């Protein structure tokens, strides 16, 4: 299993943030979106919020391929509709690569690796 941490900002507007949170309640995301996540080898996904910053923590199978997931998403009309809907709430990080929403963080510390 592999853990991935990704970051994204929301538009800093309390009403939009509340609406975004409602969309992510149990049963909020379309079944097709949840299915595409699971089929890609994502075993668990959590999104945490502080202020208007989000962190997504994913646990994936060892053979998870983010590029393959992106290509699959690009050709899935249900996922694209969800992404378009979510785009009005999301604000890319200033240092994000062009067209990237979520930015992958690099792990720099692990207690398990310390003496």
PDB file of N, CA and C in Angstrom:
ATOM      1  N   UNK A   1       0.852  -1.179   0.000  1.00  0.00           N
ATOM      2  CA  UNK A   1       0.000   0.000   0.000  1.00  0.00           C
ATOM      3  C   UNK A   1       0.896   1.241   0.000  1.00  0.00           C
ATOM      4  N   UNK A   2       0.466   2.256  -0.727  1.00  0.00           N
ATOM      5  CA  UNK A   2       1.204   3.511  -0.826  1.00  0.00           C
ATOM      6  C   UNK A   2       0.297   4.653  -0.401  1.00  0.00           C
ATOM      7  N   UNK A   3       0.856   5.600   0.332  1.00  0.00           N
ATOM      8  CA  UNK A   3       0.091   6.778   0.757  1.00  0.00           C
ATOM      9  C   UNK A   3       0.528   7.976  -0.072  1.00  0.00           C
ATOM     10  N   UNK A   4      -0.470   8.756  -0.489  1.00  0.00           N
ATOM     11  CA  UNK A   4      -0.240   9.974  -1.270  1.00  0.00           C
ATOM     12  C   UNK A   4      -0.935  11.121  -0.547  1.00  0.00           C
ATOM     13  N   UNK A   5      -0.272  12.270  -0.473  1.00  0.00           N
ATOM     14  CA  UNK A   5      -0.871  13.479   0.107  1.00  0.00           C
ATOM     15  C   UNK A   5      -0.844  14.569  -0.958  1.00  0.00           C
ATOM     16  N   UNK A   6      -2.015  15.133  -1.190  1.00  0.00           N
ATOM     17  CA  UNK A   6      -2.156  16.167  -2.220  1.00  0.00           C
ATOM     18  C   UNK A   6      -2.838  17.391  -1.618  1.00  0.00           C
ATOM     19  N   UNK A   7      -2.512  18.558  -2.143  1.00  0.00           N
ATOM     20  CA  UNK A   7      -3.048  19.801  -1.618  1.00  0.00           C
ATOM     21  C   UNK A   7      -3.750  20.611  -2.698  1.00  0.00           C
ATOM     22  N   UNK A   8      -4.727  21.394  -2.237  1.00  0.00           N
ATOM     23  CA  UNK A   8      -5.504  22.265  -3.106  1.00  0.00           C
ATOM     24  C   UNK A   8      -6.145  23.323  -2.222  1.00  0.00           C
ATOM     25  N   UNK A   9      -6.375  24.492  -2.751  1.00  0.00           N
ATOM     26  CA  UNK A   9      -7.124  25.516  -2.031  1.00  0.00           C
ATOM     27  C   UNK A   9      -8.533  25.608  -2.593  1.00  0.00           C
ATOM     28  N   UNK A  10      -9.436  26.044  -1.738  1.00  0.00           N
ATOM     29  CA  UNK A  10     -10.776  26.397  -2.159  1.00  0.00           C
ATOM     30  C   UNK A  10     -10.833  27.908  -2.330  1.00  0.00           C
ATOM     31  N   UNK A  11     -11.769  28.375  -3.107  1.00  0.00           N
ATOM     32  CA  UNK A  11     -12.021  29.804  -3.174  1.00  0.00           C
ATOM     33  C   UNK A  11     -12.372  30.235  -1.755  1.00  0.00           C
ATOM     34  N   UNK A  12     -11.748  31.283  -1.274  1.00  0.00           N
ATOM     35  CA  UNK A  12     -11.902  31.707   0.122  1.00  0.00           C
ATOM     36  C   UNK A  12     -13.211  32.473   0.309  1.00  0.00           C
ATOM     37  N   UNK A  13     -14.299  31.715   0.285  1.00  0.00           N
ATOM     38  CA  UNK A  13     -15.644  32.261   0.421  1.00  0.00           C
ATOM     39  C   UNK A  13     -16.429  31.269   1.272  1.00  0.00           C
ATOM     40  N   UNK A  14     -16.893  31.708   2.440  1.00  0.00           N
ATOM     41  CA  UNK A  14     -17.515  30.779   3.395  1.00  0.00           C
ATOM     42  C   UNK A  14     -18.744  30.073   2.822  1.00  0.00           C
ATOM     43  N   UNK A  15     -19.527  30.748   1.999  1.00  0.00           N
ATOM     44  CA  UNK A  15     -20.711  30.102   1.410  1.00  0.00           C
ATOM     45  C   UNK A  15     -20.303  29.020   0.412  1.00  0.00           C
ATOM     46  N   UNK A  16     -19.312  29.303  -0.423  1.00  0.00           N
ATOM     47  CA  UNK A  16     -18.837  28.298  -1.371  1.00  0.00           C
ATOM     48  C   UNK A  16     -18.197  27.112  -0.647  1.00  0.00           C
ATOM     49  N   UNK A  17     -17.442  27.391   0.408  1.00  0.00           N
ATOM     50  CA  UNK A  17     -16.817  26.316   1.178  1.00  0.00           C
ATOM     51  C   UNK A  17     -17.884  25.429   1.807  1.00  0.00           C
ATOM     52  N   UNK A  18     -18.930  26.019   2.352  1.00  0.00           N
ATOM     53  CA  UNK A  18     -20.033  25.228   2.926  1.00  0.00           C
ATOM     54  C   UNK A  18     -20.687  24.354   1.864  1.00  0.00           C
ATOM     55  N   UNK A  19     -20.892  24.916   0.683  1.00  0.00           N
ATOM     56  CA  UNK A  19     -21.500  24.148  -0.397  1.00  0.00           C
ATOM     57  C   UNK A  19     -20.586  23.004  -0.836  1.00  0.00           C
ATOM     58  N   UNK A  20     -19.298  23.279  -0.935  1.00  0.00           N
ATOM     59  CA  UNK A  20     -18.326  22.242  -1.298  1.00  0.00           C
ATOM     60  C   UNK A  20     -18.378  21.098  -0.287  1.00  0.00           C
ATOM     61  N   UNK A  21     -18.423  21.442   0.988  1.00  0.00           N
ATOM     62  CA  UNK A  21     -18.498  20.414   2.039  1.00  0.00           C
ATOM     63  C   UNK A  21     -19.778  19.592   1.895  1.00  0.00           C
ATOM     64  N   UNK A  22     -20.893  20.238   1.568  1.00  0.00           N
ATOM     65  CA  UNK A  22     -22.152  19.489   1.383  1.00  0.00           C
ATOM     66  C   UNK A  22     -22.027  18.483   0.248  1.00  0.00           C
ATOM     67  N   UNK A  23     -21.372  18.872  -0.823  1.00  0.00           N
ATOM     68  CA  UNK A  23     -21.187  17.948  -1.946  1.00  0.00           C
ATOM     69  C   UNK A  23     -20.369  16.716  -1.559  1.00  0.00           C
ATOM     70  N   UNK A  24     -19.564  16.830  -0.519  1.00  0.00           N
ATOM     71  CA  UNK A  24     -18.684  15.729  -0.120  1.00  0.00           C
ATOM     72  C   UNK A  24     -19.219  14.910   1.053  1.00  0.00           C
ATOM     73  N   UNK A  25     -20.416  15.198   1.492  1.00  0.00           N
ATOM     74  CA  UNK A  25     -21.030  14.367   2.532  1.00  0.00           C
ATOM     75  C   UNK A  25     -21.291  12.973   1.969  1.00  0.00           C
ATOM     76  N   UNK A  26     -21.474  11.967   2.848  1.00  0.00           N
ATOM     77  CA  UNK A  26     -21.804  10.626   2.355  1.00  0.00           C
ATOM     78  C   UNK A  26     -23.008  10.670   1.416  1.00  0.00           C
ATOM     79  N   UNK A  27     -22.840  10.061   0.251  1.00  0.00           N
ATOM     80  CA  UNK A  27     -23.882  10.059  -0.763  1.00  0.00           C
ATOM     81  C   UNK A  27     -23.844  11.263  -1.682  1.00  0.00           C
ATOM     82  N   UNK A  28     -22.968  12.210  -1.428  1.00  0.00           N
ATOM     83  CA  UNK A  28     -22.891  13.427  -2.239  1.00  0.00           C
ATOM     84  C   UNK A  28     -22.254  13.221  -3.601  1.00  0.00           C
ATOM     85  N   UNK A  29     -21.039  12.678  -3.645  1.00  0.00           N
ATOM     86  CA  UNK A  29     -20.431  12.460  -4.954  1.00  0.00           C
ATOM     87  C   UNK A  29     -21.198  11.391  -5.728  1.00  0.00           C
ATOM     88  N   UNK A  30     -21.299  11.545  -7.035  1.00  0.00           N
ATOM     89  CA  UNK A  30     -22.006  10.539  -7.837  1.00  0.00           C
ATOM     90  C   UNK A  30     -21.359   9.157  -7.702  1.00  0.00           C
ATOM     91  N   UNK A  31     -22.185   8.125  -7.780  1.00  0.00           N
ATOM     92  CA  UNK A  31     -21.690   6.745  -7.675  1.00  0.00           C
ATOM     93  C   UNK A  31     -20.609   6.468  -8.722  1.00  0.00           C
ATOM     94  N   UNK A  32     -20.760   7.024  -9.910  1.00  0.00           N
ATOM     95  CA  UNK A  32     -19.774   6.797 -10.969  1.00  0.00           C
ATOM     96  C   UNK A  32     -18.404   7.355 -10.590  1.00  0.00           C
ATOM     97  N   UNK A  33     -18.379   8.454  -9.867  1.00  0.00           N
ATOM     98  CA  UNK A  33     -17.111   9.050  -9.429  1.00  0.00           C
ATOM     99  C   UNK A  33     -16.466   8.147  -8.388  1.00  0.00           C
ATOM    100  N   UNK A  34     -17.246   7.718  -7.402  1.00  0.00           N
ATOM    101  CA  UNK A  34     -16.698   6.811  -6.386  1.00  0.00           C
ATOM    102  C   UNK A  34     -16.209   5.509  -7.020  1.00  0.00           C
ATOM    103  N   UNK A  35     -16.951   4.999  -7.975  1.00  0.00           N
ATOM    104  CA  UNK A  35     -16.562   3.761  -8.656  1.00  0.00           C
ATOM    105  C   UNK A  35     -15.237   3.949  -9.393  1.00  0.00           C
ATOM    106  N   UNK A  36     -15.074   5.084 -10.075  1.00  0.00           N
ATOM    107  CA  UNK A  36     -13.832   5.321 -10.821  1.00  0.00           C
ATOM    108  C   UNK A  36     -12.628   5.414  -9.881  1.00  0.00           C
ATOM    109  N   UNK A  37     -12.840   5.976  -8.711  1.00  0.00           N
ATOM    110  CA  UNK A  37     -11.773   6.067  -7.714  1.00  0.00           C
ATOM    111  C   UNK A  37     -11.363   4.668  -7.275  1.00  0.00           C
ATOM    112  N   UNK A  38     -12.328   3.867  -6.924  1.00  0.00           N
ATOM    113  CA  UNK A  38     -12.030   2.503  -6.453  1.00  0.00           C
ATOM    114  C   UNK A  38     -11.399   1.646  -7.550  1.00  0.00           C
ATOM    115  N   UNK A  39     -11.925   1.756  -8.763  1.00  0.00           N
ATOM    116  CA  UNK A  39     -11.405   0.938  -9.868  1.00  0.00           C
ATOM    117  C   UNK A  39      -9.961   1.284 -10.225  1.00  0.00           C
ATOM    118  N   UNK A  40      -9.516   2.479  -9.878  1.00  0.00           N
ATOM    119  CA  UNK A  40      -8.148   2.911 -10.180  1.00  0.00           C
ATOM    120  C   UNK A  40      -7.121   2.333  -9.208  1.00  0.00           C
ATOM    121  N   UNK A  41      -7.606   1.677  -8.144  1.00  0.00           N
ATOM    122  CA  UNK A  41      -6.680   1.139  -7.151  1.00  0.00           C
ATOM    123  C   UNK A  41      -6.531   2.027  -5.934  1.00  0.00           C
ATOM    124  N   UNK A  42      -7.451   2.956  -5.750  1.00  0.00           N
ATOM    125  CA  UNK A  42      -7.440   3.804  -4.557  1.00  0.00           C
ATOM    126  C   UNK A  42      -8.269   3.085  -3.505  1.00  0.00           C
ATOM    127  N   UNK A  43      -7.605   2.669  -2.433  1.00  0.00           N
ATOM    128  CA  UNK A  43      -8.239   1.879  -1.380  1.00  0.00           C
ATOM    129  C   UNK A  43      -8.966   2.747  -0.366  1.00  0.00           C
ATOM    130  N   UNK A  44      -8.412   3.920  -0.097  1.00  0.00           N
ATOM    131  CA  UNK A  44      -9.023   4.872   0.834  1.00  0.00           C
ATOM    132  C   UNK A  44      -8.649   6.259   0.370  1.00  0.00           C
ATOM    133  N   UNK A  45      -9.593   7.178   0.515  1.00  0.00           N
ATOM    134  CA  UNK A  45      -9.348   8.576   0.175  1.00  0.00           C
ATOM    135  C   UNK A  45     -10.066   9.424   1.213  1.00  0.00           C
ATOM    136  N   UNK A  46      -9.337  10.359   1.783  1.00  0.00           N
ATOM    137  CA  UNK A  46      -9.920  11.307   2.730  1.00  0.00           C
ATOM    138  C   UNK A  46      -9.523  12.705   2.293  1.00  0.00           C
ATOM    139  N   UNK A  47     -10.424  13.654   2.501  1.00  0.00           N
ATOM    140  CA  UNK A  47     -10.106  15.063   2.265  1.00  0.00           C
ATOM    141  C   UNK A  47     -10.293  15.773   3.594  1.00  0.00           C
ATOM    142  N   UNK A  48      -9.262  16.467   4.026  1.00  0.00           N
ATOM    143  CA  UNK A  48      -9.263  17.231   5.266  1.00  0.00           C
ATOM    144  C   UNK A  48      -9.210  18.707   4.912  1.00  0.00           C
ATOM    145  N   UNK A  49      -9.797  19.534   5.765  1.00  0.00           N
ATOM    146  CA  UNK A  49      -9.865  20.970   5.506  1.00  0.00           C
ATOM    147  C   UNK A  49      -9.392  21.754   6.718  1.00  0.00           C
ATOM    148  N   UNK A  50      -8.660  22.825   6.454  1.00  0.00           N
ATOM    149  CA  UNK A  50      -8.361  23.854   7.446  1.00  0.00           C
ATOM    150  C   UNK A  50      -8.433  25.181   6.699  1.00  0.00           C
ATOM    151  N   UNK A  51      -9.310  26.069   7.175  1.00  0.00           N
ATOM    152  CA  UNK A  51      -9.524  27.318   6.443  1.00  0.00           C
ATOM    153  C   UNK A  51      -9.997  26.997   5.037  1.00  0.00           C
ATOM    154  N   UNK A  52      -9.312  27.551   4.036  1.00  0.00           N
ATOM    155  CA  UNK A  52      -9.680  27.230   2.666  1.00  0.00           C
ATOM    156  C   UNK A  52      -8.688  26.261   2.009  1.00  0.00           C
ATOM    157  N   UNK A  53      -7.803  25.673   2.821  1.00  0.00           N
ATOM    158  CA  UNK A  53      -6.825  24.686   2.321  1.00  0.00           C
ATOM    159  C   UNK A  53      -7.361  23.273   2.526  1.00  0.00           C
ATOM    160  N   UNK A  54      -7.168  22.438   1.508  1.00  0.00           N
ATOM    161  CA  UNK A  54      -7.557  21.042   1.572  1.00  0.00           C
ATOM    162  C   UNK A  54      -6.323  20.164   1.454  1.00  0.00           C
ATOM    163  N   UNK A  55      -6.351  19.041   2.136  1.00  0.00           N
ATOM    164  CA  UNK A  55      -5.356  17.993   1.926  1.00  0.00           C
ATOM    165  C   UNK A  55      -6.111  16.701   1.660  1.00  0.00           C
ATOM    166  N   UNK A  56      -5.721  16.025   0.606  1.00  0.00           N
ATOM    167  CA  UNK A  56      -6.296  14.728   0.265  1.00  0.00           C
ATOM    168  C   UNK A  56      -5.259  13.673   0.610  1.00  0.00           C
ATOM    169  N   UNK A  57      -5.684  12.681   1.361  1.00  0.00           N
ATOM    170  CA  UNK A  57      -4.813  11.570   1.714  1.00  0.00           C
ATOM    171  C   UNK A  57      -5.392  10.332   1.043  1.00  0.00           C
ATOM    172  N   UNK A  58      -4.587   9.710   0.204  1.00  0.00           N
ATOM    173  CA  UNK A  58      -5.016   8.505  -0.496  1.00  0.00           C
ATOM    174  C   UNK A  58      -4.107   7.349  -0.119  1.00  0.00           C
ATOM    175  N   UNK A  59      -4.708   6.201   0.071  1.00  0.00           N
ATOM    176  CA  UNK A  59      -3.960   4.961   0.210  1.00  0.00           C
ATOM    177  C   UNK A  59      -4.305   4.127  -1.011  1.00  0.00           C
ATOM    178  N   UNK A  60      -3.271   3.707  -1.723  1.00  0.00           N
ATOM    179  CA  UNK A  60      -3.475   3.036  -3.001  1.00  0.00           C
ATOM    180  C   UNK A  60      -2.764   1.688  -3.026  1.00  0.00           C
ATOM    181  N   UNK A  61      -3.148   0.889  -4.005  1.00  0.00           N
ATOM    182  CA  UNK A  61      -2.413  -0.338  -4.259  1.00  0.00           C
ATOM    183  C   UNK A  61      -1.014   0.041  -4.735  1.00  0.00           C
ATOM    184  N   UNK A  62      -0.085  -0.876  -4.609  1.00  0.00           N
ATOM    185  CA  UNK A  62       1.301  -0.600  -4.996  1.00  0.00           C
ATOM    186  C   UNK A  62       1.414  -0.276  -6.482  1.00  0.00           C
ATOM    187  N   UNK A  63       0.502  -0.803  -7.302  1.00  0.00           N
ATOM    188  CA  UNK A  63       0.591  -0.571  -8.741  1.00  0.00           C
ATOM    189  C   UNK A  63      -0.289   0.581  -9.219  1.00  0.00           C
ATOM    190  N   UNK A  64      -0.777   1.408  -8.307  1.00  0.00           N
ATOM    191  CA  UNK A  64      -1.586   2.571  -8.689  1.00  0.00           C
ATOM    192  C   UNK A  64      -0.795   3.452  -9.640  1.00  0.00           C
ATOM    193  N   UNK A  65      -1.466   3.904 -10.705  1.00  0.00           N
ATOM    194  CA  UNK A  65      -0.830   4.739 -11.728  1.00  0.00           C
ATOM    195  C   UNK A  65      -1.649   6.017 -11.880  1.00  0.00           C
ATOM    196  N   UNK A  66      -1.138   7.119 -11.343  1.00  0.00           N
ATOM    197  CA  UNK A  66      -1.859   8.393 -11.390  1.00  0.00           C
ATOM    198  C   UNK A  66      -2.093   8.842 -12.835  1.00  0.00           C
ATOM    199  N   UNK A  67      -1.153   8.589 -13.712  1.00  0.00           N
ATOM    200  CA  UNK A  67      -1.316   8.958 -15.115  1.00  0.00           C
ATOM    201  C   UNK A  67      -2.451   8.186 -15.768  1.00  0.00           C
ATOM    202  N   UNK A  68      -2.533   6.902 -15.485  1.00  0.00           N
ATOM    203  CA  UNK A  68      -3.622   6.087 -16.030  1.00  0.00           C
ATOM    204  C   UNK A  68      -4.958   6.551 -15.477  1.00  0.00           C
ATOM    205  N   UNK A  69      -4.987   6.925 -14.190  1.00  0.00           N
ATOM    206  CA  UNK A  69      -6.228   7.433 -13.586  1.00  0.00           C
ATOM    207  C   UNK A  69      -6.636   8.730 -14.281  1.00  0.00           C
ATOM    208  N   UNK A  70      -5.702   9.614 -14.538  1.00  0.00           N
ATOM    209  CA  UNK A  70      -6.009  10.884 -15.203  1.00  0.00           C
ATOM    210  C   UNK A  70      -6.541  10.648 -16.617  1.00  0.00           C
ATOM    211  N   UNK A  71      -5.937   9.717 -17.332  1.00  0.00           N
ATOM    212  CA  UNK A  71      -6.400   9.414 -18.698  1.00  0.00           C
ATOM    213  C   UNK A  71      -7.805   8.818 -18.658  1.00  0.00           C
ATOM    214  N   UNK A  72      -8.053   7.935 -17.721  1.00  0.00           N
ATOM    215  CA  UNK A  72      -9.377   7.335 -17.578  1.00  0.00           C
ATOM    216  C   UNK A  72     -10.416   8.402 -17.241  1.00  0.00           C
ATOM    217  N   UNK A  73     -10.072   9.290 -16.311  1.00  0.00           N
ATOM    218  CA  UNK A  73     -10.986  10.369 -15.919  1.00  0.00           C
ATOM    219  C   UNK A  73     -11.321  11.282 -17.098  1.00  0.00           C
ATOM    220  N   UNK A  74     -10.316  11.558 -17.923  1.00  0.00           N
ATOM    221  CA  UNK A  74     -10.515  12.463 -19.058  1.00  0.00           C
ATOM    222  C   UNK A  74     -11.525  11.924 -20.061  1.00  0.00           C
ATOM    223  N   UNK A  75     -11.685  10.603 -20.099  1.00  0.00           N
ATOM    224  CA  UNK A  75     -12.617  10.017 -21.058  1.00  0.00           C
ATOM    225  C   UNK A  75     -13.934   9.584 -20.414  1.00  0.00           C
ATOM    226  N   UNK A  76     -14.120   9.892 -19.146  1.00  0.00           N
ATOM    227  CA  UNK A  76     -15.338   9.492 -18.426  1.00  0.00           C
ATOM    228  C   UNK A  76     -16.242  10.715 -18.263  1.00  0.00           C
ATOM    229  N   UNK A  77     -17.385  10.762 -18.952  1.00  0.00           N
ATOM    230  CA  UNK A  77     -18.242  11.948 -18.881  1.00  0.00           C
ATOM    231  C   UNK A  77     -18.788  12.223 -17.481  1.00  0.00           C
ATOM    232  N   UNK A  78     -19.001  11.193 -16.676  1.00  0.00           N
ATOM    233  CA  UNK A  78     -19.492  11.411 -15.309  1.00  0.00           C
ATOM    234  C   UNK A  78     -18.428  12.070 -14.438  1.00  0.00           C
ATOM    235  N   UNK A  79     -17.205  11.608 -14.572  1.00  0.00           N
ATOM    236  CA  UNK A  79     -16.099  12.204 -13.806  1.00  0.00           C
ATOM    237  C   UNK A  79     -15.858  13.634 -14.290  1.00  0.00           C
ATOM    238  N   UNK A  80     -15.912  13.856 -15.592  1.00  0.00           N
ATOM    239  CA  UNK A  80     -15.705  15.197 -16.124  1.00  0.00           C
ATOM    240  C   UNK A  80     -16.791  16.167 -15.654  1.00  0.00           C
ATOM    241  N   UNK A  81     -18.029  15.698 -15.563  1.00  0.00           N
ATOM    242  CA  UNK A  81     -19.117  16.555 -15.065  1.00  0.00           C
ATOM    243  C   UNK A  81     -18.865  16.925 -13.610  1.00  0.00           C
ATOM    244  N   UNK A  82     -18.408  15.961 -12.805  1.00  0.00           N
ATOM    245  CA  UNK A  82     -18.083  16.219 -11.396  1.00  0.00           C
ATOM    246  C   UNK A  82     -16.932  17.216 -11.301  1.00  0.00           C
ATOM    247  N   UNK A  83     -15.887  17.015 -12.100  1.00  0.00           N
ATOM    248  CA  UNK A  83     -14.736  17.916 -12.069  1.00  0.00           C
ATOM    249  C   UNK A  83     -15.139  19.336 -12.463  1.00  0.00           C
ATOM    250  N   UNK A  84     -15.990  19.451 -13.444  1.00  0.00           N
ATOM    251  CA  UNK A  84     -16.447  20.774 -13.866  1.00  0.00           C
ATOM    252  C   UNK A  84     -17.256  21.439 -12.757  1.00  0.00           C
ATOM    253  N   UNK A  85     -18.103  20.677 -12.094  1.00  0.00           N
ATOM    254  CA  UNK A  85     -18.882  21.209 -10.972  1.00  0.00           C
ATOM    255  C   UNK A  85     -17.961  21.666  -9.847  1.00  0.00           C
ATOM    256  N   UNK A  86     -16.961  20.852  -9.503  1.00  0.00           N
ATOM    257  CA  UNK A  86     -16.055  21.164  -8.397  1.00  0.00           C
ATOM    258  C   UNK A  86     -15.136  22.335  -8.724  1.00  0.00           C
ATOM    259  N   UNK A  87     -14.894  22.559  -9.998  1.00  0.00           N
ATOM    260  CA  UNK A  87     -13.960  23.606 -10.404  1.00  0.00           C
ATOM    261  C   UNK A  87     -14.377  24.989  -9.922  1.00  0.00           C
ATOM    262  N   UNK A  88     -15.664  25.221  -9.781  1.00  0.00           N
ATOM    263  CA  UNK A  88     -16.099  26.557  -9.331  1.00  0.00           C
ATOM    264  C   UNK A  88     -15.732  26.831  -7.872  1.00  0.00           C
ATOM    265  N   UNK A  89     -15.440  25.777  -7.115  1.00  0.00           N
ATOM    266  CA  UNK A  89     -15.077  25.928  -5.709  1.00  0.00           C
ATOM    267  C   UNK A  89     -13.559  25.945  -5.511  1.00  0.00           C
ATOM    268  N   UNK A  90     -12.840  25.385  -6.461  1.00  0.00           N
ATOM    269  CA  UNK A  90     -11.420  25.122  -6.272  1.00  0.00           C
ATOM    270  C   UNK A  90     -10.556  26.229  -6.855  1.00  0.00           C
ATOM    271  N   UNK A  91      -9.443  26.451  -6.156  1.00  0.00           N
ATOM    272  CA  UNK A  91      -8.473  27.469  -6.565  1.00  0.00           C
ATOM    273  C   UNK A  91      -7.104  26.810  -6.559  1.00  0.00           C
ATOM    274  N   UNK A  92      -6.475  26.788  -7.678  1.00  0.00           N
ATOM    275  CA  UNK A  92      -5.179  26.127  -7.768  1.00  0.00           C
ATOM    276  C   UNK A  92      -4.128  26.848  -6.925  1.00  0.00           C
ATOM    277  N   UNK A  93      -3.201  26.083  -6.389  1.00  0.00           N
ATOM    278  CA  UNK A  93      -2.098  26.675  -5.643  1.00  0.00           C
ATOM    279  C   UNK A  93      -1.231  27.489  -6.588  1.00  0.00           C
ATOM    280  N   UNK A  94      -0.677  28.557  -6.084  1.00  0.00           N
ATOM    281  CA  UNK A  94       0.099  29.480  -6.926  1.00  0.00           C
ATOM    282  C   UNK A  94       1.259  28.783  -7.630  1.00  0.00           C
ATOM    283  N   UNK A  95       1.830  27.774  -7.020  1.00  0.00           N
ATOM    284  CA  UNK A  95       2.987  27.091  -7.589  1.00  0.00           C
ATOM    285  C   UNK A  95       2.619  25.796  -8.316  1.00  0.00           C
ATOM    286  N   UNK A  96       1.331  25.550  -8.501  1.00  0.00           N
ATOM    287  CA  UNK A  96       0.882  24.330  -9.174  1.00  0.00           C
ATOM    288  C   UNK A  96       1.279  24.354 -10.644  1.00  0.00           C
ATOM    289  N   UNK A  97       1.627  23.200 -11.180  1.00  0.00           N
ATOM    290  CA  UNK A  97       1.890  23.136 -12.622  1.00  0.00           C
ATOM    291  C   UNK A  97       0.638  23.539 -13.404  1.00  0.00           C
ATOM    292  N   UNK A  98       0.830  23.990 -14.624  1.00  0.00           N
ATOM    293  CA  UNK A  98      -0.297  24.395 -15.470  1.00  0.00           C
ATOM    294  C   UNK A  98      -1.341  23.291 -15.537  1.00  0.00           C
ATOM    295  N   UNK A  99      -2.593  23.667 -15.394  1.00  0.00           N
ATOM    296  CA  UNK A  99      -3.754  22.787 -15.469  1.00  0.00           C
ATOM    297  C   UNK A  99      -3.848  21.764 -14.343  1.00  0.00           C
ATOM    298  N   UNK A 100      -2.958  21.811 -13.373  1.00  0.00           N
ATOM    299  CA  UNK A 100      -3.023  20.873 -12.243  1.00  0.00           C
ATOM    300  C   UNK A 100      -3.910  21.457 -11.158  1.00  0.00           C
ATOM    301  N   UNK A 101      -4.777  20.637 -10.616  1.00  0.00           N
ATOM    302  CA  UNK A 101      -5.586  21.053  -9.471  1.00  0.00           C
ATOM    303  C   UNK A 101      -4.852  20.639  -8.203  1.00  0.00           C
ATOM    304  N   UNK A 102      -4.927  19.381  -7.902  1.00  0.00           N
ATOM    305  CA  UNK A 102      -4.291  18.848  -6.698  1.00  0.00           C
ATOM    306  C   UNK A 102      -2.788  18.714  -6.926  1.00  0.00           C
ATOM    307  N   UNK A 103      -1.992  19.166  -5.951  1.00  0.00           N
ATOM    308  CA  UNK A 103      -0.539  19.107  -6.039  1.00  0.00           C
ATOM    309  C   UNK A 103      -0.037  18.072  -5.035  1.00  0.00           C
ATOM    310  N   UNK A 104       0.775  17.150  -5.521  1.00  0.00           N
ATOM    311  CA  UNK A 104       1.309  16.088  -4.667  1.00  0.00           C
ATOM    312  C   UNK A 104       2.415  16.635  -3.780  1.00  0.00           C
ATOM    313  N   UNK A 105       2.309  16.297  -2.495  1.00  0.00           N
ATOM    314  CA  UNK A 105       3.335  16.695  -1.527  1.00  0.00           C
ATOM    315  C   UNK A 105       4.429  15.633  -1.465  1.00  0.00           C
ATOM    316  N   UNK A 106       5.605  16.058  -1.086  1.00  0.00           N
ATOM    317  CA  UNK A 106       6.730  15.153  -0.905  1.00  0.00           C
ATOM    318  C   UNK A 106       6.906  14.891   0.585  1.00  0.00           C
ATOM    319  N   UNK A 107       6.941  13.617   0.959  1.00  0.00           N
ATOM    320  CA  UNK A 107       7.168  13.273   2.373  1.00  0.00           C
ATOM    321  C   UNK A 107       8.622  13.551   2.707  1.00  0.00           C
ATOM    322  N   UNK A 108       8.838  14.292   3.787  1.00  0.00           N
ATOM    323  CA  UNK A 108      10.203  14.616   4.195  1.00  0.00           C
ATOM    324  C   UNK A 108      10.553  14.072   5.577  1.00  0.00           C
ATOM    325  N   UNK A 109       9.583  13.454   6.248  1.00  0.00           N
ATOM    326  CA  UNK A 109       9.831  12.921   7.582  1.00  0.00           C
ATOM    327  C   UNK A 109       8.909  11.751   7.831  1.00  0.00           C
ATOM    328  N   UNK A 110       9.438  10.714   8.479  1.00  0.00           N
ATOM    329  CA  UNK A 110       8.645   9.589   8.933  1.00  0.00           C
ATOM    330  C   UNK A 110       9.229   9.125  10.267  1.00  0.00           C
ATOM    331  N   UNK A 111       8.420   9.120  11.276  1.00  0.00           N
ATOM    332  CA  UNK A 111       8.871   8.670  12.594  1.00  0.00           C
ATOM    333  C   UNK A 111       9.430   7.261  12.517  1.00  0.00           C
ATOM    334  N   UNK A 112       8.825   6.423  11.699  1.00  0.00           N
ATOM    335  CA  UNK A 112       9.253   5.027  11.588  1.00  0.00           C
ATOM    336  C   UNK A 112      10.680   4.888  11.068  1.00  0.00           C
ATOM    337  N   UNK A 113      11.188   5.930  10.435  1.00  0.00           N
ATOM    338  CA  UNK A 113      12.553   5.890   9.905  1.00  0.00           C
ATOM    339  C   UNK A 113      13.572   6.513  10.851  1.00  0.00           C
ATOM    340  N   UNK A 114      13.093   7.013  11.973  1.00  0.00           N
ATOM    341  CA  UNK A 114      13.987   7.664  12.922  1.00  0.00           C
ATOM    342  C   UNK A 114      14.564   6.650  13.918  1.00  0.00           C
ATOM    343  N   UNK A 115      15.800   6.894  14.352  1.00  0.00           N
ATOM    344  CA  UNK A 115      16.417   5.977  15.346  1.00  0.00           C
ATOM    345  C   UNK A 115      15.712   6.074  16.685  1.00  0.00           C
TER     346      UNK A 115
END
